[in-house]
Amino acid sequence: MTTEDTTETKGVRLTAGDAELTVSPENGCRIGSLRIGGTELLRQGPRFGSFPMVPWCGRTGLGRFRNGGRTHQLPINSPPHAIHGTGRNVEWAPAGTGRSSAAFIYDLADPWPYEGRVTQTFELSPDSLTVTMSVETEGDSFPAQAGWHPWFLRNLGDGGADAEIAFDAAWQEERGEDHLPTGRRTEPKPGPWDDCFGMPQGVDVTLTWPGRLELKVTSRTEWVVVYDEQAEAVCVEPQSGPPNGLNLMPRLVTPIDPLEIAMTWSWRTLA
């Protein structure tokens, strides 16, 4: 096990029943830990846990997007593309914390070319976690996306079986050799996946660790990326649009129309 995997999680701790959540506002306001009955569900380390993707999700092709007649260039952090937004790389400010809930904010800034404010809230109960995110502007309108990138442990240890993934998608976004959606929708294909799926009735994905725990990821949004190509973890990523969405399906944030998204993780023990 690497040093990264054993890094102690620090941050704001929330509790409800036997559920314990740690949020790290200094590290991109990511969830650093979720323990149910003492069992950790998220891959540990400063790059993992569950981080917000904002103001874009997944890859933005060549790091470029347009807003009206202006073309903007974002830093290339996953050559040749820009990936997963800027929110995971900055410190967020607390906007209120309690025993089982917390809220944090950060103001969009360079390298993002527009001013705006992002708010993320966490509500923990004994059998669920609801996270919401909003992107607002009081100035110029701009395209944006928001979502989350959790790294759920593939195996919870103690000799148990690996997690099983179950979902029923209406379509799969065809992925080109450049890892960007081609714009064509296909029938969902068997994994392994690093792919975006469409669920018009809302995201609904179930992770089951046989004999241990069942966890459902739900959201009213209709896009989810499923990534299970690593041995250590599986990712179920609700997001407000497909990868390269700033170009393929721009959603404008305006002074009267913020971007809002929420997801819920709900769980039950199987033992």
Protein backbone atom coordinates (compact mmCIF):
# COMPACT_ATOMS: atom_id res chain seq x y z
CA MET A 1 0.00 0.00 0.00
CA THR A 2 1.39 3.42 -0.92
CA THR A 3 1.87 6.40 1.36
CA GLU A 4 -0.86 8.15 -0.63
CA ASP A 5 -3.33 5.38 0.19
CA THR A 6 -2.66 5.67 3.94
CA THR A 7 -2.78 9.47 4.24
CA GLU A 8 -4.97 10.40 7.20
CA THR A 9 -8.10 12.25 6.13
CA LYS A 10 -8.50 15.69 7.71
CA GLY A 11 -11.29 18.23 7.38
CA VAL A 12 -14.83 18.89 8.57
CA ARG A 13 -16.42 15.80 10.13
CA LEU A 14 -20.17 15.14 10.01
CA THR A 15 -21.97 12.30 11.80
CA ALA A 16 -25.44 10.73 11.74
CA GLY A 17 -26.11 7.36 13.33
CA ASP A 18 -23.19 5.10 12.42
CA ALA A 19 -22.35 7.19 9.31
CA GLU A 20 -19.26 9.42 9.39
CA LEU A 21 -18.41 11.87 6.60
CA THR A 22 -15.28 13.99 6.27
CA VAL A 23 -15.18 16.95 3.88
CA SER A 24 -11.84 18.58 3.05
CA PRO A 25 -12.52 22.20 2.02
CA GLU A 26 -8.79 22.89 1.74
CA ASN A 27 -8.46 20.10 -0.86
CA GLY A 28 -11.09 21.05 -3.40
CA CYS A 29 -14.01 20.56 -1.00
CA ARG A 30 -13.88 16.85 -1.70
CA ILE A 31 -15.31 14.12 0.46
CA GLY A 32 -12.21 12.56 1.95
CA SER A 33 -13.94 9.75 3.79
CA LEU A 34 -17.33 8.06 4.18
CA ARG A 35 -17.53 5.37 6.84
CA ILE A 36 -20.61 3.26 7.48
CA GLY A 37 -20.41 1.28 10.71
CA GLY A 38 -16.66 1.87 10.68
CA THR A 39 -16.17 0.59 7.11
CA GLU A 40 -14.56 3.01 4.66
CA LEU A 41 -16.32 3.21 1.27
CA LEU A 42 -14.02 5.62 -0.60
CA ARG A 43 -10.51 5.19 -1.94
CA GLN A 44 -8.13 7.15 0.26
CA GLY A 45 -5.52 9.69 -0.80
CA PRO A 46 -5.45 13.41 -1.69
CA ARG A 47 -6.46 12.77 -5.33
CA PHE A 48 -9.35 10.45 -4.51
CA GLY A 49 -12.34 10.42 -2.18
CA SER A 50 -15.12 12.21 -4.08
CA PHE A 51 -14.42 15.58 -5.67
CA PRO A 52 -16.66 18.18 -7.32
CA MET A 53 -16.33 18.72 -11.05
CA VAL A 54 -17.06 22.39 -11.76
CA PRO A 55 -17.33 24.58 -13.85
CA TRP A 56 -16.99 21.69 -16.32
CA CYS A 57 -17.10 17.88 -16.14
CA GLY A 58 -14.81 15.36 -17.74
CA ARG A 59 -12.78 16.44 -20.75
CA THR A 60 -13.17 19.72 -22.63
CA GLY A 61 -11.74 19.14 -26.09
CA LEU A 62 -8.28 20.71 -26.51
CA GLY A 63 -9.19 22.90 -23.54
CA ARG A 64 -11.22 25.25 -25.74
CA PHE A 65 -14.79 26.46 -25.59
CA ARG A 66 -16.79 29.32 -27.05
CA ASN A 67 -19.22 31.74 -25.46
CA GLY A 68 -20.92 33.78 -28.13
CA GLY A 69 -18.19 35.17 -30.36
CA ARG A 70 -15.37 34.59 -27.88
CA THR A 71 -13.12 31.52 -27.76
CA HIS A 72 -11.46 30.66 -24.43
CA GLN A 73 -8.43 28.46 -23.76
CA LEU A 74 -8.26 26.44 -20.53
CA PRO A 75 -5.07 24.89 -19.13
CA ILE A 76 -4.30 21.47 -20.61
CA ASN A 77 -4.10 19.15 -17.59
CA SER A 78 -4.92 15.86 -19.34
CA PRO A 79 -3.19 16.25 -22.73
CA PRO A 80 -4.54 17.18 -25.16
CA HIS A 81 -7.62 18.17 -23.12
CA ALA A 82 -8.66 20.06 -19.99
CA ILE A 83 -10.32 17.77 -17.46
CA HIS A 84 -12.66 17.90 -14.44
CA GLY A 85 -12.87 21.68 -13.83
CA THR A 86 -11.05 23.92 -11.38
CA GLY A 87 -13.09 23.40 -8.21
CA ARG A 88 -11.14 20.33 -7.10
CA ASN A 89 -7.88 22.33 -7.08
CA VAL A 90 -8.84 25.25 -4.83
CA GLU A 91 -9.69 25.88 -1.19
CA TRP A 92 -13.37 26.47 -0.46
CA ALA A 93 -14.62 28.73 2.33
CA PRO A 94 -17.04 27.46 5.00
CA ALA A 95 -20.55 28.91 4.82
CA GLY A 96 -22.07 27.08 7.77
CA THR A 97 -21.51 23.76 9.52
CA GLY A 98 -23.51 21.62 11.94
CA ARG A 99 -23.33 18.12 13.32
CA SER A 100 -24.72 16.49 10.17
CA SER A 101 -24.67 19.27 7.55
CA ALA A 102 -22.23 21.74 6.05
CA ALA A 103 -21.98 24.29 3.24
CA PHE A 104 -18.97 25.71 1.41
CA ILE A 105 -18.38 28.30 -1.31
CA TYR A 106 -15.71 29.37 -3.73
CA ASP A 107 -15.57 32.22 -6.20
CA LEU A 108 -14.65 31.34 -9.77
CA ALA A 109 -11.36 32.89 -10.80
CA ASP A 110 -8.47 32.52 -13.27
CA PRO A 111 -8.00 30.27 -15.21
CA TRP A 112 -11.79 30.27 -15.57
CA PRO A 113 -12.55 33.42 -17.61
CA TYR A 114 -15.83 34.43 -15.89
CA GLU A 115 -16.79 35.60 -12.42
CA GLY A 116 -19.27 33.53 -10.47
CA ARG A 117 -19.87 31.71 -7.20
CA VAL A 118 -20.14 27.98 -6.54
CA THR A 119 -21.91 26.64 -3.44
CA GLN A 120 -21.75 23.03 -2.29
CA THR A 121 -23.81 21.61 0.57
CA PHE A 122 -23.75 18.26 2.37
CA GLU A 123 -26.67 16.70 4.29
CA LEU A 124 -25.90 13.44 6.10
CA SER A 125 -28.47 11.07 7.62
CA PRO A 126 -27.99 7.60 9.11
CA ASP A 127 -28.76 5.97 5.74
CA SER A 128 -28.08 8.62 3.09
CA LEU A 129 -26.00 11.57 1.94
CA THR A 130 -27.35 14.34 -0.27
CA VAL A 131 -24.91 16.75 -1.92
CA THR A 132 -26.03 19.80 -3.88
CA MET A 133 -24.08 22.26 -5.98
CA SER A 134 -25.05 25.56 -7.59
CA VAL A 135 -23.20 27.88 -9.96
CA GLU A 136 -24.34 31.51 -9.97
CA THR A 137 -23.38 34.74 -11.69
CA GLU A 138 -24.30 38.36 -11.10
CA GLY A 139 -22.40 39.45 -14.21
CA ASP A 140 -21.76 37.92 -17.61
CA SER A 141 -23.56 34.75 -18.63
CA PHE A 142 -21.36 31.74 -19.37
CA PRO A 143 -21.66 28.01 -20.16
CA ALA A 144 -20.92 25.67 -17.26
CA GLN A 145 -21.28 22.15 -15.96
CA ALA A 146 -21.27 20.59 -12.50
CA GLY A 147 -21.06 17.08 -11.11
CA TRP A 148 -19.11 14.74 -8.84
CA HIS A 149 -16.36 12.16 -9.25
CA PRO A 150 -16.48 9.62 -6.40
CA TRP A 151 -13.91 6.82 -6.11
CA PHE A 152 -15.77 3.96 -4.40
CA LEU A 153 -13.56 1.15 -3.18
CA ARG A 154 -13.91 -1.91 -5.39
CA ASN A 155 -13.36 -4.13 -2.38
CA LEU A 156 -14.20 -3.32 1.26
CA GLY A 157 -11.65 -5.78 2.64
CA ASP A 158 -12.00 -8.61 5.15
CA GLY A 159 -12.08 -11.14 2.32
CA GLY A 160 -15.34 -9.89 0.83
CA ALA A 161 -16.29 -9.91 -2.85
CA ASP A 162 -15.72 -7.01 -5.23
CA ALA A 163 -18.43 -4.44 -5.88
CA GLU A 164 -21.03 -5.20 -8.55
CA ILE A 165 -22.46 -2.36 -10.69
CA ALA A 166 -26.06 -2.37 -11.93
CA PHE A 167 -27.88 0.27 -14.01
CA ASP A 168 -30.30 0.56 -16.92
CA ALA A 169 -29.31 3.32 -19.34
CA ALA A 170 -31.29 4.51 -22.36
CA TRP A 171 -28.11 5.15 -24.34
CA GLN A 172 -24.33 5.32 -24.26
CA GLU A 173 -22.45 8.30 -25.66
CA GLU A 174 -20.14 6.95 -28.36
CA ARG A 175 -16.54 7.71 -27.37
CA GLY A 176 -14.02 8.59 -30.04
CA GLU A 177 -10.33 7.75 -30.06
CA ASP A 178 -9.73 11.18 -28.48
CA HIS A 179 -11.92 10.10 -25.50
CA LEU A 180 -14.53 12.73 -26.41
CA PRO A 181 -18.15 11.96 -27.30
CA THR A 182 -18.67 11.85 -31.05
CA GLY A 183 -22.25 13.14 -30.71
CA ARG A 184 -23.66 9.73 -31.65
CA ARG A 185 -25.69 7.70 -29.17
CA THR A 186 -25.47 3.89 -29.14
CA GLU A 187 -26.96 0.96 -27.27
CA PRO A 188 -25.21 0.52 -23.90
CA LYS A 189 -22.31 -1.91 -24.15
CA PRO A 190 -20.84 -4.20 -21.47
CA GLY A 191 -17.90 -2.92 -19.42
CA PRO A 192 -15.25 -2.22 -18.48
CA TRP A 193 -16.23 1.42 -18.95
CA ASP A 194 -14.89 4.92 -19.13
CA ASP A 195 -18.13 6.08 -20.70
CA CYS A 196 -21.06 8.44 -20.37
CA PHE A 197 -24.60 7.07 -20.23
CA GLY A 198 -27.98 8.74 -20.59
CA MET A 199 -30.82 8.20 -18.13
CA PRO A 200 -33.73 10.52 -19.05
CA GLN A 201 -35.70 9.56 -15.91
CA GLY A 202 -32.74 10.42 -13.69
CA VAL A 203 -29.48 8.75 -12.74
CA ASP A 204 -29.99 5.51 -10.81
CA VAL A 205 -26.96 3.24 -10.32
CA THR A 206 -26.56 0.54 -7.67
CA LEU A 207 -23.26 -0.65 -6.22
CA THR A 208 -23.45 -3.91 -4.28
CA TRP A 209 -20.71 -5.40 -2.16
CA PRO A 210 -22.21 -8.90 -1.76
CA GLY A 211 -23.09 -9.74 1.82
CA ARG A 212 -21.84 -6.35 3.01
CA LEU A 213 -23.56 -3.25 1.66
CA GLU A 214 -25.75 -1.88 -1.10
CA LEU A 215 -25.36 1.77 -2.15
CA LYS A 216 -27.53 3.61 -4.69
CA VAL A 217 -26.36 6.74 -6.53
CA THR A 218 -29.34 8.81 -7.69
CA SER A 219 -29.76 12.24 -9.23
CA ARG A 220 -32.41 14.11 -11.23
CA THR A 221 -29.80 14.82 -13.91
CA GLU A 222 -29.76 12.44 -16.88
CA TRP A 223 -26.02 11.95 -17.45
CA VAL A 224 -23.64 9.70 -15.57
CA VAL A 225 -20.09 8.59 -16.32
CA VAL A 226 -19.15 5.11 -15.13
CA TYR A 227 -15.44 4.38 -14.83
CA ASP A 228 -14.27 0.97 -13.65
CA GLU A 229 -10.96 0.46 -15.44
CA GLN A 230 -8.85 0.64 -12.25
CA ALA A 231 -8.35 -2.30 -9.93
CA GLU A 232 -8.75 -0.25 -6.75
CA ALA A 233 -12.01 1.62 -7.31
CA VAL A 234 -15.13 2.19 -9.35
CA CYS A 235 -16.53 5.64 -10.17
CA VAL A 236 -20.17 6.63 -10.68
CA GLU A 237 -20.25 10.30 -11.69
CA PRO A 238 -23.57 12.19 -12.00
CA GLN A 239 -23.09 15.35 -14.04
CA SER A 240 -25.18 18.06 -15.64
CA GLY A 241 -24.10 17.22 -19.20
CA PRO A 242 -21.87 14.89 -21.19
CA PRO A 243 -18.07 15.21 -21.42
CA ASN A 244 -17.07 18.14 -23.66
CA GLY A 245 -20.45 19.58 -22.75
CA LEU A 246 -19.18 23.18 -22.87
CA ASN A 247 -19.00 22.61 -26.63
CA LEU A 248 -21.53 19.86 -27.36
CA MET A 249 -24.37 20.96 -25.09
CA PRO A 250 -23.64 24.35 -23.49
CA ARG A 251 -25.86 25.23 -20.55
CA LEU A 252 -25.77 28.97 -19.87
CA VAL A 253 -25.57 30.30 -16.32
CA THR A 254 -27.26 33.70 -16.23
CA PRO A 255 -28.06 36.18 -13.44
CA ILE A 256 -31.64 34.82 -13.32
CA ASP A 257 -30.92 31.15 -14.08
CA PRO A 258 -28.21 29.47 -11.98
CA LEU A 259 -27.04 25.93 -12.63
CA GLU A 260 -28.17 23.59 -9.86
CA ILE A 261 -27.57 19.86 -9.43
CA ALA A 262 -27.94 17.36 -6.59
CA MET A 263 -27.07 13.72 -5.97
CA THR A 264 -27.97 11.28 -3.21
CA TRP A 265 -26.12 8.23 -1.99
CA SER A 266 -28.39 5.91 -0.01
CA TRP A 267 -27.27 2.67 1.55
CA ARG A 268 -28.36 -0.41 3.47
CA THR A 269 -26.33 -3.12 5.09
CA LEU A 270 -26.69 -6.68 3.78
CA ALA A 271 -25.01 -8.61 6.57
